[in-house]
PDB file of all heavy atoms in Angstrom:
ATOM      1  N   ALA A   1     104.100  90.596  94.851  1.00  0.00           N
ATOM      2  CA  ALA A   1     104.112  90.362  93.390  1.00  0.00           C
ATOM      3  C   ALA A   1     105.354  90.986  92.782  1.00  0.00           C
ATOM      4  O   ALA A   1     105.970  90.386  91.907  1.00  0.00           O
ATOM      5  CB  ALA A   1     102.759  90.941  92.843  1.00  0.00           C
ATOM      6  N   ALA A   2     105.686  92.183  93.210  1.00  0.00           N
ATOM      7  CA  ALA A   2     106.824  92.888  92.742  1.00  0.00           C
ATOM      8  C   ALA A   2     108.134  92.217  93.124  1.00  0.00           C
ATOM      9  O   ALA A   2     109.062  92.040  92.317  1.00  0.00           O
ATOM     10  CB  ALA A   2     106.850  94.377  93.211  1.00  0.00           C
ATOM     11  N   ARG A   3     108.158  91.720  94.227  1.00  0.00           N
ATOM     12  CA  ARG A   3     109.393  91.129  94.805  1.00  0.00           C
ATOM     13  C   ARG A   3     109.578  89.715  94.128  1.00  0.00           C
ATOM     14  O   ARG A   3     110.601  89.324  93.761  1.00  0.00           O
ATOM     15  CB  ARG A   3     109.265  90.891  96.353  1.00  0.00           C
ATOM     16  CG  ARG A   3     110.502  90.196  96.993  1.00  0.00           C
ATOM     17  CD  ARG A   3     111.738  91.125  96.876  1.00  0.00           C
ATOM     18  NE  ARG A   3     112.973  90.336  97.272  1.00  0.00           N
ATOM     19  CZ  ARG A   3     114.204  90.831  97.224  1.00  0.00           C
ATOM     20  NH1 ARG A   3     114.366  91.954  96.608  1.00  0.00           N
ATOM     21  NH2 ARG A   3     115.171  90.090  97.711  1.00  0.00           N
ATOM     22  N   GLU A   4     108.501  89.007  93.983  1.00  0.00           N
ATOM     23  CA  GLU A   4     108.605  87.600  93.459  1.00  0.00           C
ATOM     24  C   GLU A   4     108.984  87.709  91.882  1.00  0.00           C
ATOM     25  O   GLU A   4     109.528  86.788  91.423  1.00  0.00           O
ATOM     26  CB  GLU A   4     107.178  86.853  93.539  1.00  0.00           C
ATOM     27  CG  GLU A   4     107.037  86.506  95.098  1.00  0.00           C
ATOM     28  CD  GLU A   4     105.642  85.698  95.223  1.00  0.00           C
ATOM     29  OE1 GLU A   4     104.885  85.795  94.276  1.00  0.00           O
ATOM     30  OE2 GLU A   4     105.456  85.269  96.350  1.00  0.00           O
ATOM     31  N   ALA A   5     108.521  88.899  91.266  1.00  0.00           N
ATOM     32  CA  ALA A   5     108.882  89.048  89.795  1.00  0.00           C
ATOM     33  C   ALA A   5     110.346  89.720  89.804  1.00  0.00           C
ATOM     34  O   ALA A   5     110.675  89.856  88.512  1.00  0.00           O
ATOM     35  CB  ALA A   5     107.899  90.041  89.225  1.00  0.00           C
ATOM     36  N   ASP A   6     110.966  89.912  90.819  1.00  0.00           N
ATOM     37  CA  ASP A   6     112.307  90.476  90.807  1.00  0.00           C
ATOM     38  C   ASP A   6     112.384  91.874  90.152  1.00  0.00           C
ATOM     39  O   ASP A   6     113.299  92.220  89.408  1.00  0.00           O
ATOM     40  CB  ASP A   6     113.319  89.572  90.052  1.00  0.00           C
ATOM     41  CG  ASP A   6     114.721  89.763  90.438  1.00  0.00           C
ATOM     42  OD1 ASP A   6     114.943  90.304  91.506  1.00  0.00           O
ATOM     43  OD2 ASP A   6     115.596  89.555  89.628  1.00  0.00           O
ATOM     44  N   CYS A   7     111.273  92.629  90.496  1.00  0.00           N
ATOM     45  CA  CYS A   7     111.204  93.969  90.049  1.00  0.00           C
ATOM     46  C   CYS A   7     112.212  94.974  90.729  1.00  0.00           C
ATOM     47  O   CYS A   7     112.506  94.739  91.799  1.00  0.00           O
ATOM     48  CB  CYS A   7     109.838  94.553  90.177  1.00  0.00           C
ATOM     49  SG  CYS A   7     108.484  93.844  89.152  1.00  0.00           S
ATOM     50  N   ASN A   8     112.611  95.933  89.980  1.00  0.00           N
ATOM     51  CA  ASN A   8     113.266  97.136  90.596  1.00  0.00           C
ATOM     52  C   ASN A   8     112.178  98.237  90.709  1.00  0.00           C
ATOM     53  O   ASN A   8     111.953  99.029  89.736  1.00  0.00           O
ATOM     54  CB  ASN A   8     114.424  97.523  89.873  1.00  0.00           C
ATOM     55  CG  ASN A   8     115.660  96.745  90.171  1.00  0.00           C
ATOM     56  OD1 ASN A   8     116.406  97.056  91.019  1.00  0.00           O
ATOM     57  ND2 ASN A   8     115.762  95.536  89.438  1.00  0.00           N
ATOM     58  N   LEU A   9     111.399  98.161  91.755  1.00  0.00           N
ATOM     59  CA  LEU A   9     110.181  98.958  91.924  1.00  0.00           C
ATOM     60  C   LEU A   9     110.504 100.367  92.427  1.00  0.00           C
ATOM     61  O   LEU A   9     111.188 100.530  93.499  1.00  0.00           O
ATOM     62  CB  LEU A   9     109.321  98.296  92.869  1.00  0.00           C
ATOM     63  CG  LEU A   9     107.818  99.018  92.966  1.00  0.00           C
ATOM     64  CD1 LEU A   9     107.047  98.898  91.728  1.00  0.00           C
ATOM     65  CD2 LEU A   9     107.107  98.193  94.173  1.00  0.00           C
ATOM     66  N   VAL A  10     110.047 101.383  91.697  1.00  0.00           N
ATOM     67  CA  VAL A  10     110.048 102.782  92.120  1.00  0.00           C
ATOM     68  C   VAL A  10     108.681 103.366  92.092  1.00  0.00           C
ATOM     69  O   VAL A  10     108.032 103.480  91.061  1.00  0.00           O
ATOM     70  CB  VAL A  10     111.003 103.675  91.167  1.00  0.00           C
ATOM     71  CG1 VAL A  10     110.934 105.134  91.522  1.00  0.00           C
ATOM     72  CG2 VAL A  10     112.381 103.082  91.147  1.00  0.00           C
ATOM     73  N   VAL A  11     108.145 103.653  93.205  1.00  0.00           N
ATOM     74  CA  VAL A  11     106.806 104.101  93.429  1.00  0.00           C
ATOM     75  C   VAL A  11     106.820 105.653  93.443  1.00  0.00           C
ATOM     76  O   VAL A  11     107.669 106.288  94.287  1.00  0.00           O
ATOM     77  CB  VAL A  11     106.202 103.532  94.720  1.00  0.00           C
ATOM     78  CG1 VAL A  11     104.753 104.132  94.844  1.00  0.00           C
ATOM     79  CG2 VAL A  11     106.093 102.017  94.609  1.00  0.00           C
ATOM     80  N   LEU A  12     105.952 106.245  92.689  1.00  0.00           N
ATOM     81  CA  LEU A  12     105.713 107.705  92.780  1.00  0.00           C
ATOM     82  C   LEU A  12     104.353 107.983  93.409  1.00  0.00           C
ATOM     83  O   LEU A  12     103.364 107.324  93.022  1.00  0.00           O
ATOM     84  CB  LEU A  12     105.790 108.299  91.396  1.00  0.00           C
ATOM     85  CG  LEU A  12     107.059 107.908  90.504  1.00  0.00           C
ATOM     86  CD1 LEU A  12     107.056 108.640  89.250  1.00  0.00           C
ATOM     87  CD2 LEU A  12     108.319 108.221  91.269  1.00  0.00           C
ATOM     88  N   SER A  13     104.279 108.941  94.179  1.00  0.00           N
ATOM     89  CA  SER A  13     102.947 109.193  94.932  1.00  0.00           C
ATOM     90  C   SER A  13     102.779 110.716  95.209  1.00  0.00           C
ATOM     91  O   SER A  13     103.726 111.484  95.010  1.00  0.00           O
ATOM     92  CB  SER A  13     102.943 108.509  96.373  1.00  0.00           C
ATOM     93  OG  SER A  13     103.429 107.113  96.244  1.00  0.00           O
ATOM     94  N   GLY A  14     101.535 110.962  95.579  1.00  0.00           N
ATOM     95  CA  GLY A  14     101.240 112.410  96.040  1.00  0.00           C
ATOM     96  C   GLY A  14     100.333 112.383  97.168  1.00  0.00           C
ATOM     97  O   GLY A  14     100.485 111.647  98.065  1.00  0.00           O
ATOM     98  N   ASP A  15      99.327 113.342  97.074  1.00  0.00           N
ATOM     99  CA  ASP A  15      98.112 113.324  98.079  1.00  0.00           C
ATOM    100  C   ASP A  15      98.386 113.813  99.421  1.00  0.00           C
ATOM    101  O   ASP A  15      97.576 114.606  99.967  1.00  0.00           O
ATOM    102  CB  ASP A  15      97.545 111.967  98.132  1.00  0.00           C
ATOM    103  CG  ASP A  15      96.351 111.848  98.978  1.00  0.00           C
ATOM    104  OD1 ASP A  15      95.271 112.454  98.645  1.00  0.00           O
ATOM    105  OD2 ASP A  15      96.393 111.250 100.124  1.00  0.00           O
ATOM    106  N   SER A  16      99.558 113.577 100.079  1.00  0.00           N
ATOM    107  CA  SER A  16      99.661 113.848 101.543  1.00  0.00           C
ATOM    108  C   SER A  16     100.159 115.269 101.733  1.00  0.00           C
ATOM    109  O   SER A  16     100.158 115.805 102.951  1.00  0.00           O
ATOM    110  CB  SER A  16     100.717 112.907 102.160  1.00  0.00           C
ATOM    111  OG  SER A  16     102.121 113.276 101.851  1.00  0.00           O
ATOM    112  N   HIS A  17     100.550 116.017 100.757  1.00  0.00           N
ATOM    113  CA  HIS A  17     101.073 117.366 100.829  1.00  0.00           C
ATOM    114  C   HIS A  17     102.519 117.510 101.333  1.00  0.00           C
ATOM    115  O   HIS A  17     103.113 118.510 101.380  1.00  0.00           O
ATOM    116  CB  HIS A  17     100.180 118.310 101.642  1.00  0.00           C
ATOM    117  CG  HIS A  17      98.739 118.378 101.208  1.00  0.00           C
ATOM    118  ND1 HIS A  17      97.756 118.959 101.876  1.00  0.00           N
ATOM    119  CD2 HIS A  17      98.121 117.720 100.244  1.00  0.00           C
ATOM    120  CE1 HIS A  17      96.626 118.851 101.291  1.00  0.00           C
ATOM    121  NE2 HIS A  17      96.730 117.991 100.218  1.00  0.00           N
ATOM    122  N   ASN A  18     102.997 116.341 101.897  1.00  0.00           N
ATOM    123  CA  ASN A  18     104.296 116.474 102.475  1.00  0.00           C
ATOM    124  C   ASN A  18     105.332 115.467 101.659  1.00  0.00           C
ATOM    125  O   ASN A  18     104.960 114.714 100.843  1.00  0.00           O
ATOM    126  CB  ASN A  18     104.274 115.908 103.943  1.00  0.00           C
ATOM    127  CG  ASN A  18     103.388 116.725 104.683  1.00  0.00           C
ATOM    128  OD1 ASN A  18     103.794 117.931 105.167  1.00  0.00           O
ATOM    129  ND2 ASN A  18     102.268 116.279 105.072  1.00  0.00           N
ATOM    130  N   ALA A  19     106.698 115.659 101.917  1.00  0.00           N
ATOM    131  CA  ALA A  19     107.586 114.950 101.139  1.00  0.00           C
ATOM    132  C   ALA A  19     108.078 113.768 101.941  1.00  0.00           C
ATOM    133  O   ALA A  19     108.570 113.865 103.068  1.00  0.00           O
ATOM    134  CB  ALA A  19     108.775 115.917 100.813  1.00  0.00           C
ATOM    135  N   TRP A  20     108.108 112.561 101.383  1.00  0.00           N
ATOM    136  CA  TRP A  20     108.525 111.377 102.079  1.00  0.00           C
ATOM    137  C   TRP A  20     109.352 110.438 101.000  1.00  0.00           C
ATOM    138  O   TRP A  20     109.109 110.298  99.863  1.00  0.00           O
ATOM    139  CB  TRP A  20     107.339 110.475 102.352  1.00  0.00           C
ATOM    140  CG  TRP A  20     106.134 111.133 103.066  1.00  0.00           C
ATOM    141  CD1 TRP A  20     104.908 111.508 102.487  1.00  0.00           C
ATOM    142  CD2 TRP A  20     105.980 111.624 104.444  1.00  0.00           C
ATOM    143  NE1 TRP A  20     104.186 112.161 103.346  1.00  0.00           N
ATOM    144  CE2 TRP A  20     104.798 112.159 104.632  1.00  0.00           C
ATOM    145  CE3 TRP A  20     106.940 111.507 105.534  1.00  0.00           C
ATOM    146  CZ2 TRP A  20     104.259 112.733 105.782  1.00  0.00           C
ATOM    147  CZ3 TRP A  20     106.456 111.961 106.765  1.00  0.00           C
ATOM    148  CH2 TRP A  20     105.177 112.583 106.789  1.00  0.00           C
ATOM    149  N   GLY A  21     110.442 109.988 101.649  1.00  0.00           N
ATOM    150  CA  GLY A  21     111.235 109.003 100.866  1.00  0.00           C
ATOM    151  C   GLY A  21     111.130 107.602 101.731  1.00  0.00           C
ATOM    152  O   GLY A  21     111.660 107.604 102.767  1.00  0.00           O
ATOM    153  N   ASN A  22     110.320 106.698 101.149  1.00  0.00           N
ATOM    154  CA  ASN A  22     110.074 105.460 101.900  1.00  0.00           C
ATOM    155  C   ASN A  22     110.801 104.323 101.275  1.00  0.00           C
ATOM    156  O   ASN A  22     110.886 104.175 100.043  1.00  0.00           O
ATOM    157  CB  ASN A  22     108.662 105.119 101.926  1.00  0.00           C
ATOM    158  CG  ASN A  22     107.849 106.034 102.797  1.00  0.00           C
ATOM    159  OD1 ASN A  22     108.119 106.071 104.056  1.00  0.00           O
ATOM    160  ND2 ASN A  22     106.867 106.739 102.385  1.00  0.00           N
ATOM    161  N   GLU A  23     111.383 103.401 102.010  1.00  0.00           N
ATOM    162  CA  GLU A  23     111.913 102.122 101.654  1.00  0.00           C
ATOM    163  C   GLU A  23     110.871 101.102 101.851  1.00  0.00           C
ATOM    164  O   GLU A  23     110.295 100.971 103.035  1.00  0.00           O
ATOM    165  CB  GLU A  23     113.254 101.783 102.371  1.00  0.00           C
ATOM    166  CG  GLU A  23     114.214 102.736 102.101  1.00  0.00           C
ATOM    167  CD  GLU A  23     115.583 102.426 102.817  1.00  0.00           C
ATOM    168  OE1 GLU A  23     115.597 101.988 103.837  1.00  0.00           O
ATOM    169  OE2 GLU A  23     116.663 102.788 102.167  1.00  0.00           O
ATOM    170  N   LEU A  24     110.483 100.450 100.849  1.00  0.00           N
ATOM    171  CA  LEU A  24     109.324  99.459 100.958  1.00  0.00           C
ATOM    172  C   LEU A  24     109.821  98.047 101.040  1.00  0.00           C
ATOM    173  O   LEU A  24     110.881  97.579 100.359  1.00  0.00           O
ATOM    174  CB  LEU A  24     108.527  99.578  99.493  1.00  0.00           C
ATOM    175  CG  LEU A  24     108.037 100.907  99.223  1.00  0.00           C
ATOM    176  CD1 LEU A  24     107.394 101.009  97.826  1.00  0.00           C
ATOM    177  CD2 LEU A  24     106.918 101.491 100.293  1.00  0.00           C
ATOM    178  N   ALA A  25     109.227  97.252 101.988  1.00  0.00           N
ATOM    179  CA  ALA A  25     109.733  95.921 102.214  1.00  0.00           C
ATOM    180  C   ALA A  25     108.527  94.901 102.282  1.00  0.00           C
ATOM    181  O   ALA A  25     107.460  95.328 102.628  1.00  0.00           O
ATOM    182  CB  ALA A  25     110.560  95.863 103.456  1.00  0.00           C
ATOM    183  N   ILE A  26     108.787  93.707 102.113  1.00  0.00           N
ATOM    184  CA  ILE A  26     107.850  92.671 102.334  1.00  0.00           C
ATOM    185  C   ILE A  26     108.479  91.526 103.079  1.00  0.00           C
ATOM    186  O   ILE A  26     109.537  91.032 102.681  1.00  0.00           O
ATOM    187  CB  ILE A  26     107.176  92.069 100.953  1.00  0.00           C
ATOM    188  CG1 ILE A  26     106.138  91.002 101.188  1.00  0.00           C
ATOM    189  CG2 ILE A  26     108.244  91.560 100.049  1.00  0.00           C
ATOM    190  CD1 ILE A  26     104.915  91.514 101.779  1.00  0.00           C
ATOM    191  N   GLU A  27     107.989  91.273 104.307  1.00  0.00           N
ATOM    192  CA  GLU A  27     108.585  90.268 105.198  1.00  0.00           C
ATOM    193  C   GLU A  27     110.111  90.386 105.420  1.00  0.00           C
ATOM    194  O   GLU A  27     110.835  89.432 105.388  1.00  0.00           O
ATOM    195  CB  GLU A  27     108.263  88.762 104.737  1.00  0.00           C
ATOM    196  CG  GLU A  27     106.746  88.608 104.729  1.00  0.00           C
ATOM    197  CD  GLU A  27     106.413  87.108 104.088  1.00  0.00           C
ATOM    198  OE1 GLU A  27     107.361  86.574 103.537  1.00  0.00           O
ATOM    199  OE2 GLU A  27     105.313  86.684 104.198  1.00  0.00           O
ATOM    200  N   GLY A  28     110.423  91.685 105.567  1.00  0.00           N
ATOM    201  CA  GLY A  28     111.868  91.997 105.806  1.00  0.00           C
ATOM    202  C   GLY A  28     112.692  92.216 104.555  1.00  0.00           C
ATOM    203  O   GLY A  28     113.894  92.706 104.684  1.00  0.00           O
ATOM    204  N   ALA A  29     112.282  91.715 103.377  1.00  0.00           N
ATOM    205  CA  ALA A  29     113.064  91.845 102.179  1.00  0.00           C
ATOM    206  C   ALA A  29     112.791  93.029 101.452  1.00  0.00           C
ATOM    207  O   ALA A  29     111.585  93.420 101.261  1.00  0.00           O
ATOM    208  CB  ALA A  29     112.650  90.663 101.294  1.00  0.00           C
ATOM    209  N   ALA A  30     113.814  93.710 101.069  1.00  0.00           N
ATOM    210  CA  ALA A  30     113.593  95.122 100.243  1.00  0.00           C
ATOM    211  C   ALA A  30     112.720  94.822  99.043  1.00  0.00           C
ATOM    212  O   ALA A  30     113.109  93.847  98.244  1.00  0.00           O
ATOM    213  CB  ALA A  30     114.850  95.666  99.921  1.00  0.00           C
ATOM    214  N   ALA A  31     111.832  95.643  98.680  1.00  0.00           N
ATOM    215  CA  ALA A  31     110.860  95.403  97.630  1.00  0.00           C
ATOM    216  C   ALA A  31     110.979  96.597  96.689  1.00  0.00           C
ATOM    217  O   ALA A  31     110.576  96.586  95.502  1.00  0.00           O
ATOM    218  CB  ALA A  31     109.395  95.276  98.026  1.00  0.00           C
ATOM    219  N   GLY A  32     111.482  97.737  97.194  1.00  0.00           N
ATOM    220  CA  GLY A  32     111.575  98.995  96.279  1.00  0.00           C
ATOM    221  C   GLY A  32     111.550 100.232  97.067  1.00  0.00           C
ATOM    222  O   GLY A  32     111.659 100.076  98.335  1.00  0.00           O
ATOM    223  N   VAL A  33     111.483 101.297  96.441  1.00  0.00           N
ATOM    224  CA  VAL A  33     111.620 102.676  97.134  1.00  0.00           C
ATOM    225  C   VAL A  33     110.374 103.428  96.587  1.00  0.00           C
ATOM    226  O   VAL A  33     109.768 103.287  95.568  1.00  0.00           O
ATOM    227  CB  VAL A  33     112.857 103.342  96.959  1.00  0.00           C
ATOM    228  CG1 VAL A  33     114.104 102.657  97.399  1.00  0.00           C
ATOM    229  CG2 VAL A  33     113.091 103.732  95.387  1.00  0.00           C
ATOM    230  N   GLU A  34     110.098 104.502  97.353  1.00  0.00           N
ATOM    231  CA  GLU A  34     108.974 105.362  97.056  1.00  0.00           C
ATOM    232  C   GLU A  34     109.486 106.845  97.228  1.00  0.00           C
ATOM    233  O   GLU A  34     109.991 107.242  98.251  1.00  0.00           O
ATOM    234  CB  GLU A  34     107.765 105.179  98.087  1.00  0.00           C
ATOM    235  CG  GLU A  34     106.699 106.206  97.699  1.00  0.00           C
ATOM    236  CD  GLU A  34     105.547 105.965  98.801  1.00  0.00           C
ATOM    237  OE1 GLU A  34     105.705 105.560  99.868  1.00  0.00           O
ATOM    238  OE2 GLU A  34     104.339 106.166  98.343  1.00  0.00           O
ATOM    239  N   TYR A  35     109.248 107.590  96.056  1.00  0.00           N
ATOM    240  CA  TYR A  35     109.396 109.040  96.122  1.00  0.00           C
ATOM    241  C   TYR A  35     107.930 109.648  96.263  1.00  0.00           C
ATOM    242  O   TYR A  35     107.206 109.658  95.294  1.00  0.00           O
ATOM    243  CB  TYR A  35     110.007 109.520  94.891  1.00  0.00           C
ATOM    244  CG  TYR A  35     111.453 109.218  94.598  1.00  0.00           C
ATOM    245  CD1 TYR A  35     111.766 107.999  93.956  1.00  0.00           C
ATOM    246  CD2 TYR A  35     112.524 109.925  95.278  1.00  0.00           C
ATOM    247  CE1 TYR A  35     113.134 107.642  93.868  1.00  0.00           C
ATOM    248  CE2 TYR A  35     113.825 109.515  95.128  1.00  0.00           C
ATOM    249  CZ  TYR A  35     114.037 108.476  94.474  1.00  0.00           C
ATOM    250  OH  TYR A  35     115.481 107.983  94.248  1.00  0.00           O
ATOM    251  N   ALA A  36     107.567 109.951  97.419  1.00  0.00           N
ATOM    252  CA  ALA A  36     106.247 110.616  97.781  1.00  0.00           C
ATOM    253  C   ALA A  36     106.356 112.027  97.631  1.00  0.00           C
ATOM    254  O   ALA A  36     106.995 112.708  98.371  1.00  0.00           O
ATOM    255  CB  ALA A  36     105.577 110.129  99.040  1.00  0.00           C
ATOM    256  N   GLY A  37     105.780 112.668  96.676  1.00  0.00           N
ATOM    257  CA  GLY A  37     105.906 114.143  96.423  1.00  0.00           C
ATOM    258  C   GLY A  37     105.082 114.996  97.380  1.00  0.00           C
ATOM    259  O   GLY A  37     104.011 114.699  97.735  1.00  0.00           O
ATOM    260  N   HIS A  38     105.623 116.135  97.721  1.00  0.00           N
ATOM    261  CA  HIS A  38     105.006 117.116  98.336  1.00  0.00           C
ATOM    262  C   HIS A  38     104.048 117.944  97.504  1.00  0.00           C
ATOM    263  O   HIS A  38     104.122 117.698  96.257  1.00  0.00           O
ATOM    264  CB  HIS A  38     106.018 118.106  99.074  1.00  0.00           C
ATOM    265  CG  HIS A  38     107.160 118.563  98.232  1.00  0.00           C
ATOM    266  ND1 HIS A  38     107.805 117.642  97.379  1.00  0.00           N
ATOM    267  CD2 HIS A  38     107.768 119.612  98.154  1.00  0.00           C
ATOM    268  CE1 HIS A  38     108.730 118.231  96.717  1.00  0.00           C
ATOM    269  NE2 HIS A  38     108.793 119.554  97.174  1.00  0.00           N
ATOM    270  N   SER A  39     103.406 118.868  98.015  1.00  0.00           N
ATOM    271  CA  SER A  39     102.357 119.558  97.002  1.00  0.00           C
ATOM    272  C   SER A  39     102.874 120.699  96.381  1.00  0.00           C
ATOM    273  O   SER A  39     103.789 121.238  96.840  1.00  0.00           O
ATOM    274  CB  SER A  39     101.174 119.969  97.989  1.00  0.00           C
ATOM    275  OG  SER A  39     101.503 120.926  98.936  1.00  0.00           O
TER     276      SER A  39
END
């Protein structure tokens, strides 16, 4: 949905206690990025 809408998606997350920087994709196409925060 984000890719088809041509969004510039930035996802913010927590929960895992660790720090992650994820590149999100759908069927090989870049869909956005994620800043997953540490605790």
